[in-house]
Amino acid sequence: MKARRRTGPTDVVKTIVYDRDGGACARCGTRDGLTIHHRVNRGMGGAREEWINQSHNLLLVCTVCNGWFEDNPRESYTAGWKVRRPELPGEVLVRYADGREYQLAPEGVRSLIVTAAR
């Protein structure tokens, strides 16, 4: 029997995402039932883009929020929890549970984006 091709992130990348997101769901902040979520969908059988499984395209989220993203696409895209092609995940800010927006980098860095008050 042929071994299945691995299409998800490596264990090293999963650890980077877990540490970057503080072991809590990026949307609601819970520490229960966590999973890795792709901001840009991988598509059927995985995608060929090398960045698809890099940390800037991944969020640590709970299973409840992961399902919520699919049921609420408009809000999910607005908050950066999901990203539409052809946009790249490093170019789309993400709103975290603390209400602030961050830019994510492939190296696993999360940078706070401060906007001027209106």
N, C-alpha and C. Protein backbone atom coordinates (compact mmCIF):
# COMPACT_ATOMS: atom_id res chain seq x y z
N MET A 1 0.84 -1.18 0.00
CA MET A 1 0.00 0.00 0.00
C MET A 1 0.89 1.24 0.00
N LYS A 2 0.53 2.19 -0.81
CA LYS A 2 1.30 3.43 -0.94
C LYS A 2 1.02 4.36 0.24
N ALA A 3 2.09 4.96 0.78
CA ALA A 3 1.94 5.90 1.90
C ALA A 3 1.25 7.17 1.43
N ARG A 4 0.40 7.72 2.29
CA ARG A 4 -0.28 8.96 1.97
C ARG A 4 0.69 10.12 1.98
N ARG A 5 0.52 11.01 1.03
CA ARG A 5 1.35 12.22 0.97
C ARG A 5 0.87 13.19 2.05
N ARG A 6 1.82 13.71 2.81
CA ARG A 6 1.48 14.67 3.86
C ARG A 6 1.24 16.03 3.24
N THR A 7 0.06 16.60 3.47
CA THR A 7 -0.28 17.89 2.85
C THR A 7 -0.42 19.01 3.88
N GLY A 8 -0.28 18.70 5.15
CA GLY A 8 -0.44 19.71 6.19
C GLY A 8 0.89 20.26 6.67
N PRO A 9 0.83 21.18 7.63
CA PRO A 9 2.06 21.77 8.17
C PRO A 9 2.87 20.74 8.96
N THR A 10 4.17 20.99 9.03
CA THR A 10 5.05 20.12 9.81
C THR A 10 4.81 20.34 11.30
N ASP A 11 5.31 19.43 12.10
CA ASP A 11 5.19 19.57 13.56
C ASP A 11 5.93 20.82 14.04
N VAL A 12 7.03 21.16 13.40
CA VAL A 12 7.79 22.37 13.78
C VAL A 12 6.92 23.61 13.54
N VAL A 13 6.27 23.68 12.40
CA VAL A 13 5.42 24.84 12.09
C VAL A 13 4.23 24.89 13.04
N LYS A 14 3.65 23.75 13.35
CA LYS A 14 2.53 23.72 14.30
C LYS A 14 2.96 24.28 15.66
N THR A 15 4.16 23.93 16.09
CA THR A 15 4.68 24.44 17.37
C THR A 15 4.88 25.95 17.30
N ILE A 16 5.40 26.44 16.19
CA ILE A 16 5.58 27.89 16.00
C ILE A 16 4.24 28.61 16.11
N VAL A 17 3.21 28.08 15.45
CA VAL A 17 1.88 28.69 15.48
C VAL A 17 1.30 28.64 16.89
N TYR A 18 1.44 27.52 17.57
CA TYR A 18 0.95 27.37 18.94
C TYR A 18 1.61 28.41 19.85
N ASP A 19 2.91 28.55 19.74
CA ASP A 19 3.64 29.52 20.58
C ASP A 19 3.25 30.96 20.22
N ARG A 20 3.19 31.26 18.91
CA ARG A 20 2.84 32.62 18.46
C ARG A 20 1.47 33.02 18.98
N ASP A 21 0.52 32.09 18.96
CA ASP A 21 -0.85 32.41 19.36
C ASP A 21 -1.10 32.17 20.84
N GLY A 22 -0.05 31.90 21.58
CA GLY A 22 -0.15 31.80 23.04
C GLY A 22 -0.97 30.63 23.54
N GLY A 23 -1.11 29.58 22.72
CA GLY A 23 -1.86 28.41 23.16
C GLY A 23 -3.34 28.67 23.33
N ALA A 24 -3.86 29.67 22.62
CA ALA A 24 -5.28 30.03 22.74
C ALA A 24 -5.87 30.31 21.36
N CYS A 25 -7.17 30.12 21.24
CA CYS A 25 -7.87 30.39 19.99
C CYS A 25 -7.70 31.86 19.59
N ALA A 26 -7.29 32.07 18.35
CA ALA A 26 -7.07 33.44 17.86
C ALA A 26 -8.35 34.26 17.85
N ARG A 27 -9.51 33.63 17.70
CA ARG A 27 -10.78 34.37 17.63
C ARG A 27 -11.42 34.59 19.00
N CYS A 28 -11.54 33.52 19.81
CA CYS A 28 -12.29 33.67 21.06
C CYS A 28 -11.43 33.57 22.32
N GLY A 29 -10.21 33.08 22.20
CA GLY A 29 -9.31 33.03 23.34
C GLY A 29 -9.37 31.76 24.17
N THR A 30 -10.25 30.82 23.86
CA THR A 30 -10.32 29.59 24.64
C THR A 30 -9.05 28.77 24.45
N ARG A 31 -8.79 27.88 25.40
CA ARG A 31 -7.63 27.00 25.32
C ARG A 31 -8.07 25.55 25.12
N ASP A 32 -9.34 25.35 24.82
CA ASP A 32 -9.90 24.00 24.67
C ASP A 32 -10.17 23.67 23.21
N GLY A 33 -9.96 22.41 22.84
CA GLY A 33 -10.32 21.92 21.52
C GLY A 33 -9.62 22.64 20.38
N LEU A 34 -8.31 22.86 20.50
CA LEU A 34 -7.58 23.66 19.52
C LEU A 34 -7.15 22.85 18.31
N THR A 35 -7.10 23.53 17.17
CA THR A 35 -6.68 22.93 15.92
C THR A 35 -5.98 23.99 15.07
N ILE A 36 -5.32 23.56 14.02
CA ILE A 36 -4.66 24.50 13.11
C ILE A 36 -5.62 24.81 11.96
N HIS A 37 -5.79 26.08 11.66
CA HIS A 37 -6.71 26.56 10.62
C HIS A 37 -5.90 27.24 9.52
N HIS A 38 -6.17 26.88 8.27
CA HIS A 38 -5.56 27.54 7.11
C HIS A 38 -6.39 28.77 6.73
N ARG A 39 -5.77 29.93 6.68
CA ARG A 39 -6.46 31.16 6.30
C ARG A 39 -6.82 31.13 4.82
N VAL A 40 -5.87 30.75 3.97
CA VAL A 40 -6.15 30.47 2.56
C VAL A 40 -6.36 28.97 2.48
N ASN A 41 -7.51 28.55 2.00
CA ASN A 41 -7.81 27.12 1.93
C ASN A 41 -6.79 26.39 1.08
N ARG A 42 -6.49 25.17 1.49
CA ARG A 42 -5.55 24.34 0.74
C ARG A 42 -6.17 23.81 -0.53
N GLY A 43 -7.45 23.65 -0.58
CA GLY A 43 -8.09 23.07 -1.75
C GLY A 43 -8.09 21.56 -1.66
N MET A 44 -8.57 20.92 -2.66
CA MET A 44 -8.67 19.46 -2.68
C MET A 44 -7.28 18.84 -2.71
N GLY A 45 -6.95 18.07 -1.68
CA GLY A 45 -5.69 17.35 -1.66
C GLY A 45 -4.46 18.18 -1.37
N GLY A 46 -4.63 19.40 -0.95
CA GLY A 46 -3.48 20.25 -0.67
C GLY A 46 -3.17 21.16 -1.83
N ALA A 47 -2.43 22.19 -1.58
CA ALA A 47 -2.07 23.15 -2.62
C ALA A 47 -0.58 23.07 -2.90
N ARG A 48 -0.19 23.57 -4.01
CA ARG A 48 1.21 23.49 -4.41
C ARG A 48 2.03 24.71 -3.95
N GLU A 49 1.37 25.76 -3.53
CA GLU A 49 2.11 26.95 -3.08
C GLU A 49 2.94 26.59 -1.85
N GLU A 50 4.21 26.97 -1.86
CA GLU A 50 5.08 26.61 -0.74
C GLU A 50 4.67 27.29 0.56
N TRP A 51 3.97 28.42 0.48
CA TRP A 51 3.60 29.16 1.68
C TRP A 51 2.30 28.64 2.32
N ILE A 52 1.61 27.73 1.68
CA ILE A 52 0.28 27.32 2.17
C ILE A 52 0.34 26.75 3.59
N ASN A 53 1.44 26.11 3.96
CA ASN A 53 1.59 25.54 5.30
C ASN A 53 2.60 26.30 6.16
N GLN A 54 2.89 27.55 5.78
CA GLN A 54 3.76 28.39 6.61
C GLN A 54 2.92 29.11 7.65
N SER A 55 3.55 29.57 8.69
CA SER A 55 2.83 30.09 9.86
C SER A 55 1.96 31.31 9.56
N HIS A 56 2.30 32.14 8.59
CA HIS A 56 1.47 33.32 8.33
C HIS A 56 0.13 32.95 7.68
N ASN A 57 0.01 31.72 7.19
CA ASN A 57 -1.27 31.26 6.64
C ASN A 57 -2.02 30.39 7.64
N LEU A 58 -1.51 30.27 8.84
CA LEU A 58 -2.11 29.37 9.83
C LEU A 58 -2.48 30.13 11.10
N LEU A 59 -3.58 29.70 11.71
CA LEU A 59 -4.01 30.23 13.00
C LEU A 59 -4.33 29.07 13.92
N LEU A 60 -4.10 29.26 15.21
CA LEU A 60 -4.53 28.31 16.22
C LEU A 60 -5.95 28.72 16.60
N VAL A 61 -6.90 27.84 16.38
CA VAL A 61 -8.30 28.15 16.69
C VAL A 61 -8.96 26.94 17.34
N CYS A 62 -10.06 27.19 18.02
CA CYS A 62 -10.83 26.08 18.58
C CYS A 62 -11.73 25.52 17.49
N THR A 63 -12.20 24.31 17.71
CA THR A 63 -13.03 23.66 16.69
C THR A 63 -14.34 24.41 16.49
N VAL A 64 -14.86 25.05 17.52
CA VAL A 64 -16.10 25.82 17.38
C VAL A 64 -15.87 27.00 16.43
N CYS A 65 -14.81 27.76 16.64
CA CYS A 65 -14.52 28.91 15.78
C CYS A 65 -14.16 28.46 14.36
N ASN A 66 -13.47 27.33 14.24
CA ASN A 66 -13.13 26.82 12.92
C ASN A 66 -14.40 26.58 12.10
N GLY A 67 -15.41 26.01 12.71
CA GLY A 67 -16.70 25.83 12.04
C GLY A 67 -17.41 27.15 11.79
N TRP A 68 -17.28 28.09 12.75
CA TRP A 68 -17.91 29.40 12.62
C TRP A 68 -17.38 30.13 11.38
N PHE A 69 -16.09 29.99 11.10
CA PHE A 69 -15.50 30.65 9.92
C PHE A 69 -16.23 30.23 8.65
N GLU A 70 -16.55 28.95 8.53
CA GLU A 70 -17.22 28.46 7.33
C GLU A 70 -18.67 28.95 7.27
N ASP A 71 -19.33 29.08 8.41
CA ASP A 71 -20.72 29.52 8.46
C ASP A 71 -20.87 31.03 8.33
N ASN A 72 -19.78 31.78 8.56
CA ASN A 72 -19.82 33.25 8.55
C ASN A 72 -18.67 33.80 7.70
N PRO A 73 -18.68 33.52 6.40
CA PRO A 73 -17.55 33.91 5.56
C PRO A 73 -17.31 35.41 5.50
N ARG A 74 -18.34 36.22 5.44
CA ARG A 74 -18.14 37.67 5.32
C ARG A 74 -17.33 38.21 6.50
N GLU A 75 -17.76 37.87 7.71
CA GLU A 75 -17.05 38.33 8.90
C GLU A 75 -15.65 37.71 8.98
N SER A 76 -15.52 36.47 8.54
CA SER A 76 -14.23 35.79 8.60
C SER A 76 -13.20 36.44 7.68
N TYR A 77 -13.63 36.83 6.47
CA TYR A 77 -12.72 37.51 5.55
C TYR A 77 -12.41 38.92 6.04
N THR A 78 -13.39 39.61 6.58
CA THR A 78 -13.18 40.98 7.08
C THR A 78 -12.16 40.99 8.21
N ALA A 79 -12.20 40.00 9.08
CA ALA A 79 -11.29 39.93 10.23
C ALA A 79 -9.96 39.28 9.89
N GLY A 80 -9.80 38.77 8.67
CA GLY A 80 -8.54 38.14 8.27
C GLY A 80 -8.37 36.71 8.73
N TRP A 81 -9.43 36.12 9.31
CA TRP A 81 -9.34 34.73 9.72
C TRP A 81 -9.33 33.82 8.50
N LYS A 82 -9.92 34.33 7.42
CA LYS A 82 -9.85 33.66 6.13
C LYS A 82 -9.31 34.68 5.13
N VAL A 83 -8.63 34.19 4.09
CA VAL A 83 -8.05 35.06 3.07
C VAL A 83 -8.43 34.51 1.71
N ARG A 84 -8.94 35.41 0.85
CA ARG A 84 -9.32 35.01 -0.51
C ARG A 84 -8.12 35.07 -1.43
N ARG A 85 -8.01 34.07 -2.30
CA ARG A 85 -7.02 34.14 -3.37
C ARG A 85 -7.45 35.25 -4.31
N PRO A 86 -6.60 36.04 -4.90
CA PRO A 86 -5.16 35.89 -4.99
C PRO A 86 -4.40 36.63 -3.88
N GLU A 87 -5.11 37.16 -2.86
CA GLU A 87 -4.40 37.81 -1.77
C GLU A 87 -3.47 36.81 -1.09
N LEU A 88 -2.41 37.33 -0.51
CA LEU A 88 -1.45 36.50 0.21
C LEU A 88 -1.64 36.72 1.71
N PRO A 89 -1.50 35.68 2.51
CA PRO A 89 -1.78 35.79 3.94
C PRO A 89 -0.91 36.81 4.68
N GLY A 90 0.32 37.01 4.23
CA GLY A 90 1.19 37.99 4.90
C GLY A 90 0.76 39.43 4.66
N GLU A 91 -0.13 39.64 3.69
CA GLU A 91 -0.60 40.99 3.34
C GLU A 91 -1.93 41.33 3.98
N VAL A 92 -2.58 40.36 4.62
CA VAL A 92 -3.92 40.56 5.19
C VAL A 92 -3.82 40.51 6.72
N LEU A 93 -4.22 41.59 7.37
CA LEU A 93 -4.18 41.65 8.83
C LEU A 93 -5.18 40.69 9.45
N VAL A 94 -4.88 40.26 10.68
CA VAL A 94 -5.74 39.32 11.41
C VAL A 94 -6.17 39.96 12.72
N ARG A 95 -7.48 39.93 13.00
CA ARG A 95 -7.97 40.39 14.30
C ARG A 95 -7.94 39.22 15.27
N TYR A 96 -7.27 39.42 16.41
CA TYR A 96 -7.17 38.39 17.44
C TYR A 96 -8.21 38.64 18.53
N ALA A 97 -8.31 37.69 19.44
CA ALA A 97 -9.30 37.74 20.52
C ALA A 97 -9.19 39.00 21.36
N ASP A 98 -8.01 39.63 21.40
CA ASP A 98 -7.83 40.87 22.17
C ASP A 98 -8.40 42.09 21.44
N GLY A 99 -8.96 41.88 20.23
CA GLY A 99 -9.57 42.96 19.47
C GLY A 99 -8.59 43.76 18.63
N ARG A 100 -7.30 43.45 18.73
CA ARG A 100 -6.29 44.18 17.96
C ARG A 100 -5.93 43.42 16.69
N GLU A 101 -5.39 44.16 15.71
CA GLU A 101 -5.02 43.56 14.44
C GLU A 101 -3.51 43.36 14.37
N TYR A 102 -3.13 42.24 13.79
CA TYR A 102 -1.74 41.87 13.68
C TYR A 102 -1.42 41.46 12.24
N GLN A 103 -0.16 41.67 11.89
CA GLN A 103 0.35 41.15 10.63
C GLN A 103 1.19 39.93 10.98
N LEU A 104 1.00 38.85 10.23
CA LEU A 104 1.72 37.61 10.49
C LEU A 104 2.82 37.43 9.45
N ALA A 105 3.97 36.95 9.90
CA ALA A 105 5.11 36.72 9.02
C ALA A 105 5.40 35.23 8.92
N PRO A 106 5.99 34.79 7.82
CA PRO A 106 6.29 33.37 7.64
C PRO A 106 7.19 32.78 8.73
N GLU A 107 8.01 33.61 9.36
CA GLU A 107 8.93 33.15 10.40
C GLU A 107 8.23 32.87 11.72
N GLY A 108 6.93 33.20 11.82
CA GLY A 108 6.19 32.97 13.06
C GLY A 108 6.09 34.19 13.94
N VAL A 109 6.38 35.35 13.39
CA VAL A 109 6.30 36.61 14.13
C VAL A 109 4.93 37.22 13.92
N ARG A 110 4.37 37.76 15.00
CA ARG A 110 3.09 38.46 14.96
C ARG A 110 3.36 39.91 15.36
N SER A 111 3.10 40.86 14.45
CA SER A 111 3.37 42.27 14.71
C SER A 111 2.06 43.05 14.86
N LEU A 112 1.93 43.75 15.98
CA LEU A 112 0.76 44.57 16.23
C LEU A 112 0.74 45.74 15.25
N ILE A 113 -0.41 45.99 14.67
CA ILE A 113 -0.59 47.11 13.76
C ILE A 113 -1.41 48.16 14.48
N VAL A 114 -0.84 49.33 14.66
CA VAL A 114 -1.52 50.41 15.36
C VAL A 114 -2.00 51.40 14.31
N THR A 115 -3.29 51.69 14.35
CA THR A 115 -3.85 52.65 13.41
C THR A 115 -4.21 53.93 14.17
N ALA A 116 -4.16 55.05 13.46
CA ALA A 116 -4.47 56.33 14.07
C ALA A 116 -5.97 56.40 14.38
N ALA A 117 -6.29 57.04 15.50
CA ALA A 117 -7.70 57.21 15.87
C ALA A 117 -8.37 58.14 14.87
N ARG A 118 -9.62 57.84 14.60
CA ARG A 118 -10.36 58.66 13.63
C ARG A 118 -11.15 59.73 14.31
